């Protein structure tokens, strides 16, 4: 039964402007829900820039709104119209623990399979309704999603021009991602686009009272130190244009809005020229 206030017929559901969703079945039978924000007006000659978000139901609403607002003032933000794509799951929970572990972690049948589906199935499906520029694709994720972004950069550099790894779970499996990071750093001298790594200052040293067990887990995870150290190594390598941002006063959950605001500005930097060229 609805609360009395919501039963009032003068209340109606709220929707996001310029946003649509559709259920999507991958070739392997996995089901997803795509959340898509498409700009008004014609696409640039080379197609729209795009920002792909994993954990779509958690990240898409704020990212889509942020991108739309920043594109309203391109002279101030440098941001132009872009397609924002959130990849979520049919149950619409912000974070689906079981599905995201299957899709985002670099295990057999996990991250590589999911990445292949994004590039070979989801992006072509979106391009049928909104032309996309393959040279201006960005990928962003938080936590396990941040780890997924790093895995993509290290193993398939060049698929995306910009990468945003928010609070990446570098700690996973005793920092197994460091092996692929080293291979990436020691690989080709050709630059591999741009990377932004972000973290909240309270992800490693919480100010709230926590149990001794949780405090120990946070200390072992070294969220802030792992992220900062990786950013330093990657910046020194010259393999990727790497930036690092630490958000003061934010924990692993509260950091998400700050990360998304910065992610949009970073991923879509310079796209305001599309409006200028169109004019």
C-alpha atoms as a PDB file:
ATOM      1  CA  UNK A   1       0.000   0.000   0.000  1.00  0.00           C
ATOM      2  CA  UNK A   2       1.308   3.439  -0.922  1.00  0.00           C
ATOM      3  CA  UNK A   3       1.849   6.082   1.782  1.00  0.00           C
ATOM      4  CA  UNK A   4      -1.120   8.417   1.959  1.00  0.00           C
ATOM      5  CA  UNK A   5       0.795  11.319   0.438  1.00  0.00           C
ATOM      6  CA  UNK A   6       1.809   9.282  -2.641  1.00  0.00           C
ATOM      7  CA  UNK A   7      -1.756   8.078  -3.159  1.00  0.00           C
ATOM      8  CA  UNK A   8      -2.733  11.708  -3.795  1.00  0.00           C
ATOM      9  CA  UNK A   9      -3.409  11.949  -7.569  1.00  0.00           C
ATOM     10  CA  UNK A  10      -1.627  15.303  -7.704  1.00  0.00           C
ATOM     11  CA  UNK A  11       1.667  13.459  -7.164  1.00  0.00           C
ATOM     12  CA  UNK A  12       3.239  11.989 -10.303  1.00  0.00           C
ATOM     13  CA  UNK A  13       6.506  10.059 -10.875  1.00  0.00           C
ATOM     14  CA  UNK A  14       9.637  12.061 -11.584  1.00  0.00           C
ATOM     15  CA  UNK A  15      11.610  11.263 -14.734  1.00  0.00           C
ATOM     16  CA  UNK A  16      15.018  12.385 -15.941  1.00  0.00           C
ATOM     17  CA  UNK A  17      14.975  14.689 -18.973  1.00  0.00           C
ATOM     18  CA  UNK A  18      16.437  13.251 -22.170  1.00  0.00           C
ATOM     19  CA  UNK A  19      16.787   9.806 -20.581  1.00  0.00           C
ATOM     20  CA  UNK A  20      15.471   6.420 -21.692  1.00  0.00           C
ATOM     21  CA  UNK A  21      15.906   2.813 -20.681  1.00  0.00           C
ATOM     22  CA  UNK A  22      15.623  -0.520 -22.436  1.00  0.00           C
ATOM     23  CA  UNK A  23      16.183  -4.117 -21.456  1.00  0.00           C
ATOM     24  CA  UNK A  24      19.022  -5.790 -23.309  1.00  0.00           C
ATOM     25  CA  UNK A  25      19.851  -9.468 -23.724  1.00  0.00           C
ATOM     26  CA  UNK A  26      23.451 -10.271 -24.596  1.00  0.00           C
ATOM     27  CA  UNK A  27      24.382 -13.038 -26.995  1.00  0.00           C
ATOM     28  CA  UNK A  28      25.313 -15.278 -24.064  1.00  0.00           C
ATOM     29  CA  UNK A  29      21.815 -14.856 -22.602  1.00  0.00           C
ATOM     30  CA  UNK A  30      22.784 -12.413 -19.821  1.00  0.00           C
ATOM     31  CA  UNK A  31      20.162  -9.744 -19.257  1.00  0.00           C
ATOM     32  CA  UNK A  32      20.905  -6.086 -18.559  1.00  0.00           C
ATOM     33  CA  UNK A  33      19.047  -2.809 -18.380  1.00  0.00           C
ATOM     34  CA  UNK A  34      20.542   0.051 -20.353  1.00  0.00           C
ATOM     35  CA  UNK A  35      20.014   3.620 -19.176  1.00  0.00           C
ATOM     36  CA  UNK A  36      20.745   6.111 -21.936  1.00  0.00           C
ATOM     37  CA  UNK A  37      20.848   9.908 -21.973  1.00  0.00           C
ATOM     38  CA  UNK A  38      20.853  11.370 -25.486  1.00  0.00           C
ATOM     39  CA  UNK A  39      21.307  15.054 -26.320  1.00  0.00           C
ATOM     40  CA  UNK A  40      18.713  16.985 -28.251  1.00  0.00           C
ATOM     41  CA  UNK A  41      19.620  18.056 -31.771  1.00  0.00           C
ATOM     42  CA  UNK A  42      21.724  16.556 -34.504  1.00  0.00           C
ATOM     43  CA  UNK A  43      24.896  14.646 -33.778  1.00  0.00           C
ATOM     44  CA  UNK A  44      28.276  16.097 -34.801  1.00  0.00           C
ATOM     45  CA  UNK A  45      29.620  14.805 -38.116  1.00  0.00           C
ATOM     46  CA  UNK A  46      31.904  12.346 -36.326  1.00  0.00           C
ATOM     47  CA  UNK A  47      29.257  11.286 -33.782  1.00  0.00           C
ATOM     48  CA  UNK A  48      28.638  12.105 -30.143  1.00  0.00           C
ATOM     49  CA  UNK A  49      31.275  11.562 -27.461  1.00  0.00           C
ATOM     50  CA  UNK A  50      30.105   8.938 -24.972  1.00  0.00           C
ATOM     51  CA  UNK A  51      30.545   8.057 -21.309  1.00  0.00           C
ATOM     52  CA  UNK A  52      29.907   4.436 -20.295  1.00  0.00           C
ATOM     53  CA  UNK A  53      29.127   3.722 -16.639  1.00  0.00           C
ATOM     54  CA  UNK A  54      29.078   0.315 -14.987  1.00  0.00           C
ATOM     55  CA  UNK A  55      26.736  -0.135 -11.975  1.00  0.00           C
ATOM     56  CA  UNK A  56      24.386   1.961 -14.067  1.00  0.00           C
ATOM     57  CA  UNK A  57      21.497   2.265 -11.624  1.00  0.00           C
ATOM     58  CA  UNK A  58      23.814   3.710  -8.977  1.00  0.00           C
ATOM     59  CA  UNK A  59      25.801   6.081 -11.193  1.00  0.00           C
ATOM     60  CA  UNK A  60      23.679   6.993 -14.213  1.00  0.00           C
ATOM     61  CA  UNK A  61      21.086   9.434 -12.756  1.00  0.00           C
ATOM     62  CA  UNK A  62      23.655  11.828 -11.294  1.00  0.00           C
ATOM     63  CA  UNK A  63      26.131  11.447 -14.167  1.00  0.00           C
ATOM     64  CA  UNK A  64      23.458  12.087 -16.804  1.00  0.00           C
ATOM     65  CA  UNK A  65      22.167  15.146 -14.960  1.00  0.00           C
ATOM     66  CA  UNK A  66      25.697  16.458 -14.442  1.00  0.00           C
ATOM     67  CA  UNK A  67      26.568  16.016 -18.119  1.00  0.00           C
ATOM     68  CA  UNK A  68      23.374  17.728 -19.229  1.00  0.00           C
ATOM     69  CA  UNK A  69      23.888  20.678 -16.856  1.00  0.00           C
ATOM     70  CA  UNK A  70      27.532  21.158 -17.818  1.00  0.00           C
ATOM     71  CA  UNK A  71      26.631  21.076 -21.509  1.00  0.00           C
ATOM     72  CA  UNK A  72      24.225  23.974 -20.927  1.00  0.00           C
ATOM     73  CA  UNK A  73      27.200  26.281 -20.257  1.00  0.00           C
ATOM     74  CA  UNK A  74      29.942  25.084 -22.616  1.00  0.00           C
ATOM     75  CA  UNK A  75      31.733  28.438 -22.444  1.00  0.00           C
ATOM     76  CA  UNK A  76      32.256  27.874 -18.697  1.00  0.00           C
ATOM     77  CA  UNK A  77      32.671  24.095 -18.555  1.00  0.00           C
ATOM     78  CA  UNK A  78      34.244  23.095 -21.867  1.00  0.00           C
ATOM     79  CA  UNK A  79      31.615  20.342 -22.039  1.00  0.00           C
ATOM     80  CA  UNK A  80      29.369  19.755 -25.023  1.00  0.00           C
ATOM     81  CA  UNK A  81      26.516  17.316 -25.721  1.00  0.00           C
ATOM     82  CA  UNK A  82      27.356  13.676 -25.041  1.00  0.00           C
ATOM     83  CA  UNK A  83      25.646  10.316 -24.779  1.00  0.00           C
ATOM     84  CA  UNK A  84      25.755   8.827 -21.271  1.00  0.00           C
ATOM     85  CA  UNK A  85      25.212   5.072 -21.031  1.00  0.00           C
ATOM     86  CA  UNK A  86      24.558   3.292 -17.751  1.00  0.00           C
ATOM     87  CA  UNK A  87      24.777  -0.505 -17.730  1.00  0.00           C
ATOM     88  CA  UNK A  88      22.558  -1.896 -14.994  1.00  0.00           C
ATOM     89  CA  UNK A  89      20.577  -5.007 -14.235  1.00  0.00           C
ATOM     90  CA  UNK A  90      16.857  -5.810 -14.558  1.00  0.00           C
ATOM     91  CA  UNK A  91      16.244  -5.723 -10.788  1.00  0.00           C
ATOM     92  CA  UNK A  92      17.250  -2.018 -10.826  1.00  0.00           C
ATOM     93  CA  UNK A  93      19.135  -2.204  -7.514  1.00  0.00           C
ATOM     94  CA  UNK A  94      21.918   0.390  -7.236  1.00  0.00           C
ATOM     95  CA  UNK A  95      24.494  -2.363  -6.729  1.00  0.00           C
ATOM     96  CA  UNK A  96      23.734  -5.997  -7.574  1.00  0.00           C
ATOM     97  CA  UNK A  97      26.418  -7.775  -5.535  1.00  0.00           C
ATOM     98  CA  UNK A  98      26.294 -11.107  -7.339  1.00  0.00           C
ATOM     99  CA  UNK A  99      26.047  -9.785 -10.910  1.00  0.00           C
ATOM    100  CA  UNK A 100      28.690  -7.110 -10.481  1.00  0.00           C
ATOM    101  CA  UNK A 101      31.211  -9.598  -9.114  1.00  0.00           C
ATOM    102  CA  UNK A 102      30.639 -11.774 -12.173  1.00  0.00           C
ATOM    103  CA  UNK A 103      30.944  -8.854 -14.589  1.00  0.00           C
ATOM    104  CA  UNK A 104      33.561  -6.586 -13.064  1.00  0.00           C
ATOM    105  CA  UNK A 105      36.225  -8.827 -11.541  1.00  0.00           C
ATOM    106  CA  UNK A 106      39.146 -10.055 -13.699  1.00  0.00           C
ATOM    107  CA  UNK A 107      38.375 -13.766 -13.415  1.00  0.00           C
ATOM    108  CA  UNK A 108      37.685 -16.363 -16.097  1.00  0.00           C
ATOM    109  CA  UNK A 109      34.412 -15.481 -17.776  1.00  0.00           C
ATOM    110  CA  UNK A 110      34.261 -12.190 -15.892  1.00  0.00           C
ATOM    111  CA  UNK A 111      35.656  -8.775 -16.820  1.00  0.00           C
ATOM    112  CA  UNK A 112      36.941  -9.744 -20.275  1.00  0.00           C
ATOM    113  CA  UNK A 113      33.599 -11.284 -21.263  1.00  0.00           C
ATOM    114  CA  UNK A 114      31.755  -8.208 -19.952  1.00  0.00           C
ATOM    115  CA  UNK A 115      34.085  -5.837 -21.795  1.00  0.00           C
ATOM    116  CA  UNK A 116      33.597  -7.750 -25.027  1.00  0.00           C
ATOM    117  CA  UNK A 117      29.840  -7.415 -24.641  1.00  0.00           C
ATOM    118  CA  UNK A 118      30.118  -3.653 -24.053  1.00  0.00           C
ATOM    119  CA  UNK A 119      32.275  -3.050 -27.128  1.00  0.00           C
ATOM    120  CA  UNK A 120      30.763  -5.591 -29.510  1.00  0.00           C
ATOM    121  CA  UNK A 121      27.094  -5.529 -28.506  1.00  0.00           C
ATOM    122  CA  UNK A 122      26.000  -2.623 -26.310  1.00  0.00           C
ATOM    123  CA  UNK A 123      27.832   0.245 -28.007  1.00  0.00           C
ATOM    124  CA  UNK A 124      26.715  -0.820 -31.510  1.00  0.00           C
ATOM    125  CA  UNK A 125      23.134  -1.106 -30.231  1.00  0.00           C
ATOM    126  CA  UNK A 126      23.265   2.433 -28.809  1.00  0.00           C
ATOM    127  CA  UNK A 127      24.915   3.736 -31.986  1.00  0.00           C
ATOM    128  CA  UNK A 128      21.841   2.712 -33.947  1.00  0.00           C
ATOM    129  CA  UNK A 129      19.837   5.449 -32.207  1.00  0.00           C
ATOM    130  CA  UNK A 130      22.611   7.944 -31.388  1.00  0.00           C
ATOM    131  CA  UNK A 131      25.750   8.056 -33.586  1.00  0.00           C
ATOM    132  CA  UNK A 132      28.867   7.620 -31.427  1.00  0.00           C
ATOM    133  CA  UNK A 133      32.417   8.780 -32.089  1.00  0.00           C
ATOM    134  CA  UNK A 134      34.663   5.731 -31.457  1.00  0.00           C
ATOM    135  CA  UNK A 135      37.597   8.042 -30.821  1.00  0.00           C
ATOM    136  CA  UNK A 136      35.889   9.806 -27.913  1.00  0.00           C
ATOM    137  CA  UNK A 137      34.671   7.018 -25.675  1.00  0.00           C
ATOM    138  CA  UNK A 138      35.074   7.144 -21.899  1.00  0.00           C
ATOM    139  CA  UNK A 139      34.589   4.446 -19.251  1.00  0.00           C
ATOM    140  CA  UNK A 140      33.899   5.038 -15.553  1.00  0.00           C
ATOM    141  CA  UNK A 141      33.232   2.878 -12.509  1.00  0.00           C
ATOM    142  CA  UNK A 142      33.344   2.884  -8.711  1.00  0.00           C
ATOM    143  CA  UNK A 143      34.911   0.330  -6.336  1.00  0.00           C
ATOM    144  CA  UNK A 144      34.831  -3.001  -8.200  1.00  0.00           C
ATOM    145  CA  UNK A 145      33.853  -0.811 -11.155  1.00  0.00           C
ATOM    146  CA  UNK A 146      37.032   1.203 -10.645  1.00  0.00           C
ATOM    147  CA  UNK A 147      39.038  -2.018 -10.654  1.00  0.00           C
ATOM    148  CA  UNK A 148      37.272  -2.992 -13.884  1.00  0.00           C
ATOM    149  CA  UNK A 149      38.284   0.326 -15.484  1.00  0.00           C
ATOM    150  CA  UNK A 150      41.925  -0.290 -14.549  1.00  0.00           C
ATOM    151  CA  UNK A 151      41.758  -3.826 -15.933  1.00  0.00           C
ATOM    152  CA  UNK A 152      40.376  -2.500 -19.218  1.00  0.00           C
ATOM    153  CA  UNK A 153      43.120   0.109 -19.529  1.00  0.00           C
ATOM    154  CA  UNK A 154      45.901  -2.339 -18.677  1.00  0.00           C
ATOM    155  CA  UNK A 155      44.743  -5.196 -20.898  1.00  0.00           C
ATOM    156  CA  UNK A 156      42.973  -3.426 -23.788  1.00  0.00           C
ATOM    157  CA  UNK A 157      44.533   0.049 -24.043  1.00  0.00           C
ATOM    158  CA  UNK A 158      43.032   2.151 -26.808  1.00  0.00           C
ATOM    159  CA  UNK A 159      39.457   0.894 -26.550  1.00  0.00           C
ATOM    160  CA  UNK A 160      38.541   4.036 -24.595  1.00  0.00           C
ATOM    161  CA  UNK A 161      40.131   7.468 -24.803  1.00  0.00           C
ATOM    162  CA  UNK A 162      39.361   8.382 -21.187  1.00  0.00           C
ATOM    163  CA  UNK A 163      39.120   6.183 -18.077  1.00  0.00           C
ATOM    164  CA  UNK A 164      37.814   7.084 -14.599  1.00  0.00           C
ATOM    165  CA  UNK A 165      38.619   4.637 -11.797  1.00  0.00           C
ATOM    166  CA  UNK A 166      36.690   5.790  -8.743  1.00  0.00           C
ATOM    167  CA  UNK A 167      37.874   4.261  -5.450  1.00  0.00           C
ATOM    168  CA  UNK A 168      39.292   1.243  -7.288  1.00  0.00           C
ATOM    169  CA  UNK A 169      39.422  -2.022  -5.320  1.00  0.00           C
ATOM    170  CA  UNK A 170      43.137  -2.476  -5.929  1.00  0.00           C
ATOM    171  CA  UNK A 171      43.257  -4.617  -2.764  1.00  0.00           C
ATOM    172  CA  UNK A 172      41.243  -7.425  -4.425  1.00  0.00           C
ATOM    173  CA  UNK A 173      42.993 -10.826  -4.436  1.00  0.00           C
ATOM    174  CA  UNK A 174      46.099  -9.472  -2.739  1.00  0.00           C
ATOM    175  CA  UNK A 175      46.428  -6.672  -5.340  1.00  0.00           C
ATOM    176  CA  UNK A 176      46.414  -9.053  -8.302  1.00  0.00           C
ATOM    177  CA  UNK A 177      45.839  -6.106 -10.654  1.00  0.00           C
ATOM    178  CA  UNK A 178      49.424  -4.962 -10.066  1.00  0.00           C
ATOM    179  CA  UNK A 179      50.657  -7.717 -12.383  1.00  0.00           C
ATOM    180  CA  UNK A 180      48.669  -6.379 -15.334  1.00  0.00           C
ATOM    181  CA  UNK A 181      49.650  -2.837 -14.341  1.00  0.00           C
ATOM    182  CA  UNK A 182      53.337  -3.752 -14.575  1.00  0.00           C
ATOM    183  CA  UNK A 183      52.840  -5.399 -17.971  1.00  0.00           C
ATOM    184  CA  UNK A 184      51.055  -2.268 -19.145  1.00  0.00           C
ATOM    185  CA  UNK A 185      53.753   0.081 -17.868  1.00  0.00           C
ATOM    186  CA  UNK A 186      56.486  -1.988 -19.494  1.00  0.00           C
ATOM    187  CA  UNK A 187      54.637  -2.318 -22.787  1.00  0.00           C
ATOM    188  CA  UNK A 188      54.432  -0.171 -25.880  1.00  0.00           C
ATOM    189  CA  UNK A 189      55.710   3.374 -25.670  1.00  0.00           C
ATOM    190  CA  UNK A 190      52.576   4.641 -27.419  1.00  0.00           C
ATOM    191  CA  UNK A 191      50.378   6.649 -25.009  1.00  0.00           C
ATOM    192  CA  UNK A 192      47.114   4.972 -24.012  1.00  0.00           C
ATOM    193  CA  UNK A 193      44.749   7.898 -23.486  1.00  0.00           C
ATOM    194  CA  UNK A 194      43.835   9.495 -20.177  1.00  0.00           C
ATOM    195  CA  UNK A 195      43.151   8.118 -16.694  1.00  0.00           C
ATOM    196  CA  UNK A 196      41.660   9.724 -13.595  1.00  0.00           C
ATOM    197  CA  UNK A 197      41.933   7.853 -10.293  1.00  0.00           C
ATOM    198  CA  UNK A 198      39.871   9.214  -7.400  1.00  0.00           C
ATOM    199  CA  UNK A 199      39.396   8.281  -3.747  1.00  0.00           C
ATOM    200  CA  UNK A 200      37.836   9.729  -0.595  1.00  0.00           C
ATOM    201  CA  UNK A 201      40.138  10.756   2.247  1.00  0.00           C
ATOM    202  CA  UNK A 202      38.092   8.778   4.790  1.00  0.00           C
ATOM    203  CA  UNK A 203      38.051   5.516   2.853  1.00  0.00           C
ATOM    204  CA  UNK A 204      41.213   4.359   4.578  1.00  0.00           C
ATOM    205  CA  UNK A 205      41.035   6.293   7.860  1.00  0.00           C
ATOM    206  CA  UNK A 206      37.356   6.674   8.849  1.00  0.00           C
ATOM    207  CA  UNK A 207      36.255   9.418  11.206  1.00  0.00           C
ATOM    208  CA  UNK A 208      33.083   7.568  12.207  1.00  0.00           C
ATOM    209  CA  UNK A 209      33.291   5.002  14.964  1.00  0.00           C
ATOM    210  CA  UNK A 210      33.693   1.543  13.428  1.00  0.00           C
ATOM    211  CA  UNK A 211      34.247  -1.914  14.851  1.00  0.00           C
ATOM    212  CA  UNK A 212      37.825  -3.090  15.313  1.00  0.00           C
ATOM    213  CA  UNK A 213      37.213  -5.699  12.602  1.00  0.00           C
ATOM    214  CA  UNK A 214      36.100  -3.088  10.072  1.00  0.00           C
ATOM    215  CA  UNK A 215      38.961  -0.776  10.998  1.00  0.00           C
ATOM    216  CA  UNK A 216      41.364  -3.645  10.341  1.00  0.00           C
ATOM    217  CA  UNK A 217      39.747  -4.383   6.947  1.00  0.00           C
ATOM    218  CA  UNK A 218      40.010  -0.736   5.933  1.00  0.00           C
ATOM    219  CA  UNK A 219      43.641  -0.609   6.985  1.00  0.00           C
ATOM    220  CA  UNK A 220      44.446  -3.748   4.971  1.00  0.00           C
ATOM    221  CA  UNK A 221      42.604  -2.428   1.902  1.00  0.00           C
ATOM    222  CA  UNK A 222      44.738   0.766   1.854  1.00  0.00           C
ATOM    223  CA  UNK A 223      42.227   2.411  -0.477  1.00  0.00           C
ATOM    224  CA  UNK A 224      43.861   5.824  -0.460  1.00  0.00           C
ATOM    225  CA  UNK A 225      47.492   4.672  -0.451  1.00  0.00           C
ATOM    226  CA  UNK A 226      46.991   2.024  -3.145  1.00  0.00           C
ATOM    227  CA  UNK A 227      45.259   4.547  -5.404  1.00  0.00           C
ATOM    228  CA  UNK A 228      47.848   7.288  -4.860  1.00  0.00           C
ATOM    229  CA  UNK A 229      50.788   4.941  -5.332  1.00  0.00           C
ATOM    230  CA  UNK A 230      49.382   3.502  -8.548  1.00  0.00           C
ATOM    231  CA  UNK A 231      48.691   6.980  -9.905  1.00  0.00           C
ATOM    232  CA  UNK A 232      52.281   7.941  -9.148  1.00  0.00           C
ATOM    233  CA  UNK A 233      53.716   4.921 -10.946  1.00  0.00           C
ATOM    234  CA  UNK A 234      51.494   5.400 -13.986  1.00  0.00           C
ATOM    235  CA  UNK A 235      52.260   9.116 -14.213  1.00  0.00           C
ATOM    236  CA  UNK A 236      55.992   8.397 -14.106  1.00  0.00           C
ATOM    237  CA  UNK A 237      55.694   5.681 -16.760  1.00  0.00           C
ATOM    238  CA  UNK A 238      54.474   8.007 -19.503  1.00  0.00           C
ATOM    239  CA  UNK A 239      52.152   5.260 -20.750  1.00  0.00           C
ATOM    240  CA  UNK A 240      48.998   7.159 -19.823  1.00  0.00           C
ATOM    241  CA  UNK A 241      48.126  10.759 -18.960  1.00  0.00           C
ATOM    242  CA  UNK A 242      47.221  10.016 -15.338  1.00  0.00           C
ATOM    243  CA  UNK A 243      45.586  12.337 -12.788  1.00  0.00           C
ATOM    244  CA  UNK A 244      44.807  11.649  -9.139  1.00  0.00           C
ATOM    245  CA  UNK A 245      42.172  13.359  -6.990  1.00  0.00           C
ATOM    246  CA  UNK A 246      41.513  12.817  -3.287  1.00  0.00           C
ATOM    247  CA  UNK A 247      38.201  14.202  -2.034  1.00  0.00           C
ATOM    248  CA  UNK A 248      38.516  15.491   1.550  1.00  0.00           C
ATOM    249  CA  UNK A 249      35.976  14.262   4.078  1.00  0.00           C
ATOM    250  CA  UNK A 250      34.422  11.580   1.863  1.00  0.00           C
ATOM    251  CA  UNK A 251      34.027   7.880   2.558  1.00  0.00           C
ATOM    252  CA  UNK A 252      33.575   4.970   0.155  1.00  0.00           C
ATOM    253  CA  UNK A 253      29.900   5.817  -0.431  1.00  0.00           C
ATOM    254  CA  UNK A 254      29.688   9.576   0.066  1.00  0.00           C
ATOM    255  CA  UNK A 255      32.490  10.085  -2.465  1.00  0.00           C
ATOM    256  CA  UNK A 256      30.330   8.911  -5.379  1.00  0.00           C
ATOM    257  CA  UNK A 257      28.685  12.294  -6.222  1.00  0.00           C
ATOM    258  CA  UNK A 258      32.045  14.080  -6.077  1.00  0.00           C
ATOM    259  CA  UNK A 259      33.637  11.418  -8.236  1.00  0.00           C
ATOM    260  CA  UNK A 260      30.872  11.619 -10.838  1.00  0.00           C
ATOM    261  CA  UNK A 261      31.032  15.403 -11.101  1.00  0.00           C
ATOM    262  CA  UNK A 262      34.776  15.205 -11.691  1.00  0.00           C
ATOM    263  CA  UNK A 263      34.365  12.184 -13.980  1.00  0.00           C
ATOM    264  CA  UNK A 264      32.053  14.061 -16.347  1.00  0.00           C
ATOM    265  CA  UNK A 265      34.369  17.063 -16.490  1.00  0.00           C
ATOM    266  CA  UNK A 266      37.391  14.827 -17.089  1.00  0.00           C
ATOM    267  CA  UNK A 267      35.859  12.371 -19.545  1.00  0.00           C
ATOM    268  CA  UNK A 268      34.119  14.986 -21.700  1.00  0.00           C
ATOM    269  CA  UNK A 269      36.757  17.724 -21.531  1.00  0.00           C
ATOM    270  CA  UNK A 270      37.007  19.687 -24.774  1.00  0.00           C
ATOM    271  CA  UNK A 271      33.745  18.445 -26.264  1.00  0.00           C
ATOM    272  CA  UNK A 272      32.312  21.988 -26.264  1.00  0.00           C
ATOM    273  CA  UNK A 273      33.981  22.400 -29.638  1.00  0.00           C
ATOM    274  CA  UNK A 274      31.163  20.290 -31.106  1.00  0.00           C
ATOM    275  CA  UNK A 275      28.704  23.111 -30.433  1.00  0.00           C
ATOM    276  CA  UNK A 276      31.096  25.666 -31.855  1.00  0.00           C
ATOM    277  CA  UNK A 277      31.613  23.628 -35.025  1.00  0.00           C
ATOM    278  CA  UNK A 278      27.855  23.083 -35.382  1.00  0.00           C
ATOM    279  CA  UNK A 279      27.221  26.807 -35.064  1.00  0.00           C
END
